[in-house]
Amino acid sequence: MMINIFKFIIIFFIIFIGLVNCHKLIKRNDDINNNNNLETPKCNSETLKDYMKQNINESPSESKRAIQRVAEAKIGGTFSVICSKENFSYLVVTRLYCEVQVDNVTCFAFIHE
């Protein structure tokens, strides 16, 4: 009996936290609320995608700095950016992200919560 109550409390807590966080993500995601979303596996922000396309050049190092500057200035928040001429793999949990390739440079940017 005690185990069932404990399981119920844990499940309730997990669902409650999920609903609270879901509300915050939807409320704070201005890009999605403004219908600027792509909802593809590689990008969910048309705005971020445009900024990235404008700032990727032949240098991955210059590109990542330029993308971070413009994303933080125009969208707001703290962004991380990865750029490379080689393949790379990543796993992030975020509400705003985009991967863009221009010529042989691929960049991935995402916002921190």
Protein backbone atom coordinates (compact mmCIF):
# COMPACT_ATOMS: atom_id res chain seq x y z
CA MET A 1 0.00 0.00 0.00
CA MET A 2 2.80 2.40 0.93
CA ILE A 3 4.62 1.65 -2.34
CA ASN A 4 1.50 2.48 -4.39
CA ILE A 5 1.11 5.83 -2.61
CA PHE A 6 4.78 6.57 -3.18
CA LYS A 7 4.46 5.71 -6.90
CA PHE A 8 1.38 7.94 -7.18
CA ILE A 9 3.21 10.86 -5.56
CA ILE A 10 6.21 10.44 -7.87
CA ILE A 11 4.04 10.23 -11.00
CA PHE A 12 1.98 13.24 -9.89
CA PHE A 13 5.16 15.23 -9.26
CA ILE A 14 6.62 14.35 -12.68
CA ILE A 15 3.41 15.32 -14.48
CA PHE A 16 3.08 18.54 -12.47
CA ILE A 17 6.67 19.61 -13.21
CA GLY A 18 6.19 18.77 -16.88
CA LEU A 19 3.07 20.92 -17.11
CA VAL A 20 4.71 23.84 -15.31
CA ASN A 21 7.77 23.73 -17.58
CA CYS A 22 5.64 23.29 -20.71
CA HIS A 23 3.68 26.43 -19.83
CA LYS A 24 6.90 28.40 -19.37
CA LEU A 25 8.32 27.21 -22.69
CA ILE A 26 5.22 28.15 -24.64
CA LYS A 27 4.81 31.46 -22.86
CA ARG A 28 8.43 32.52 -23.36
CA ASN A 29 8.85 31.34 -26.93
CA ASP A 30 8.05 34.54 -28.81
CA ASP A 31 9.43 33.17 -32.08
CA ILE A 32 6.92 30.31 -32.11
CA ASN A 33 4.06 32.55 -30.94
CA ASN A 34 4.76 34.90 -33.85
CA ASN A 35 4.45 32.03 -36.35
CA ASN A 36 8.10 32.31 -37.38
CA ASN A 37 8.57 28.60 -36.86
CA LEU A 38 9.68 25.96 -39.29
CA GLU A 39 9.27 22.94 -37.02
CA THR A 40 11.77 20.80 -38.87
CA PRO A 41 14.20 18.42 -37.16
CA LYS A 42 17.05 20.85 -37.86
CA CYS A 43 15.43 24.24 -37.25
CA ASN A 44 12.38 25.68 -35.51
CA SER A 45 12.96 29.40 -36.10
CA GLU A 46 12.81 31.17 -39.44
CA THR A 47 14.22 34.28 -37.77
CA LEU A 48 17.29 32.49 -36.40
CA LYS A 49 17.76 30.68 -39.72
CA ASP A 50 17.85 34.01 -41.60
CA TYR A 51 20.39 35.51 -39.16
CA MET A 52 22.56 32.42 -39.51
CA LYS A 53 22.48 32.44 -43.32
CA GLN A 54 23.55 36.10 -43.30
CA ASN A 55 26.49 35.47 -40.95
CA ILE A 56 28.05 32.19 -42.10
CA ASN A 57 31.24 32.66 -44.09
CA GLU A 58 34.22 30.47 -44.99
CA SER A 59 35.59 30.67 -41.43
CA PRO A 60 33.75 28.55 -38.84
CA SER A 61 35.39 30.56 -36.05
CA GLU A 62 34.23 33.93 -37.41
CA SER A 63 30.81 32.53 -38.26
CA LYS A 64 30.06 31.24 -34.76
CA ARG A 65 31.00 34.55 -33.15
CA ALA A 66 28.94 36.57 -35.64
CA ILE A 67 25.89 34.32 -35.24
CA GLN A 68 26.11 34.47 -31.45
CA ARG A 69 26.36 38.28 -31.46
CA VAL A 70 23.41 38.83 -33.80
CA ALA A 71 21.19 36.18 -32.17
CA GLU A 72 21.73 37.58 -28.68
CA ALA A 73 21.24 41.17 -29.87
CA LYS A 74 18.17 40.59 -32.07
CA ILE A 75 16.41 37.64 -30.40
CA GLY A 76 17.70 38.04 -26.85
CA GLY A 77 18.91 35.45 -24.41
CA THR A 78 22.15 33.49 -24.30
CA PHE A 79 23.07 31.45 -27.38
CA SER A 80 25.64 28.75 -27.98
CA VAL A 81 26.87 28.22 -31.53
CA ILE A 82 28.87 25.38 -33.07
CA CYS A 83 30.33 25.76 -36.57
CA SER A 84 32.46 23.31 -38.54
CA LYS A 85 33.58 22.29 -41.99
CA GLU A 86 33.44 18.67 -40.79
CA ASN A 87 30.52 16.54 -39.65
CA PHE A 88 29.53 16.88 -36.01
CA SER A 89 26.96 15.35 -33.72
CA TYR A 90 25.05 17.03 -30.93
CA LEU A 91 22.18 16.55 -28.53
CA VAL A 92 20.45 19.51 -26.87
CA VAL A 93 17.21 20.21 -25.10
CA THR A 94 16.11 23.74 -25.92
CA ARG A 95 13.11 25.73 -27.11
CA LEU A 96 14.86 27.56 -29.97
CA TYR A 97 17.43 26.01 -32.31
CA CYS A 98 18.62 25.92 -35.89
CA GLU A 99 21.19 24.15 -38.05
CA VAL A 100 22.20 25.87 -41.30
CA GLN A 101 24.76 25.02 -43.96
CA VAL A 102 26.25 27.59 -46.32
CA ASP A 103 28.70 26.12 -48.81
CA ASN A 104 30.97 23.84 -46.76
CA VAL A 105 30.36 25.40 -43.31
CA THR A 106 27.59 24.04 -41.10
CA CYS A 107 26.50 25.85 -37.94
CA PHE A 108 24.14 24.91 -35.15
CA ALA A 109 22.82 27.54 -32.72
CA PHE A 110 20.54 27.19 -29.72
CA ILE A 111 19.29 29.30 -26.86
CA HIS A 112 20.00 28.54 -23.20
CA GLU A 113 17.13 28.64 -20.74
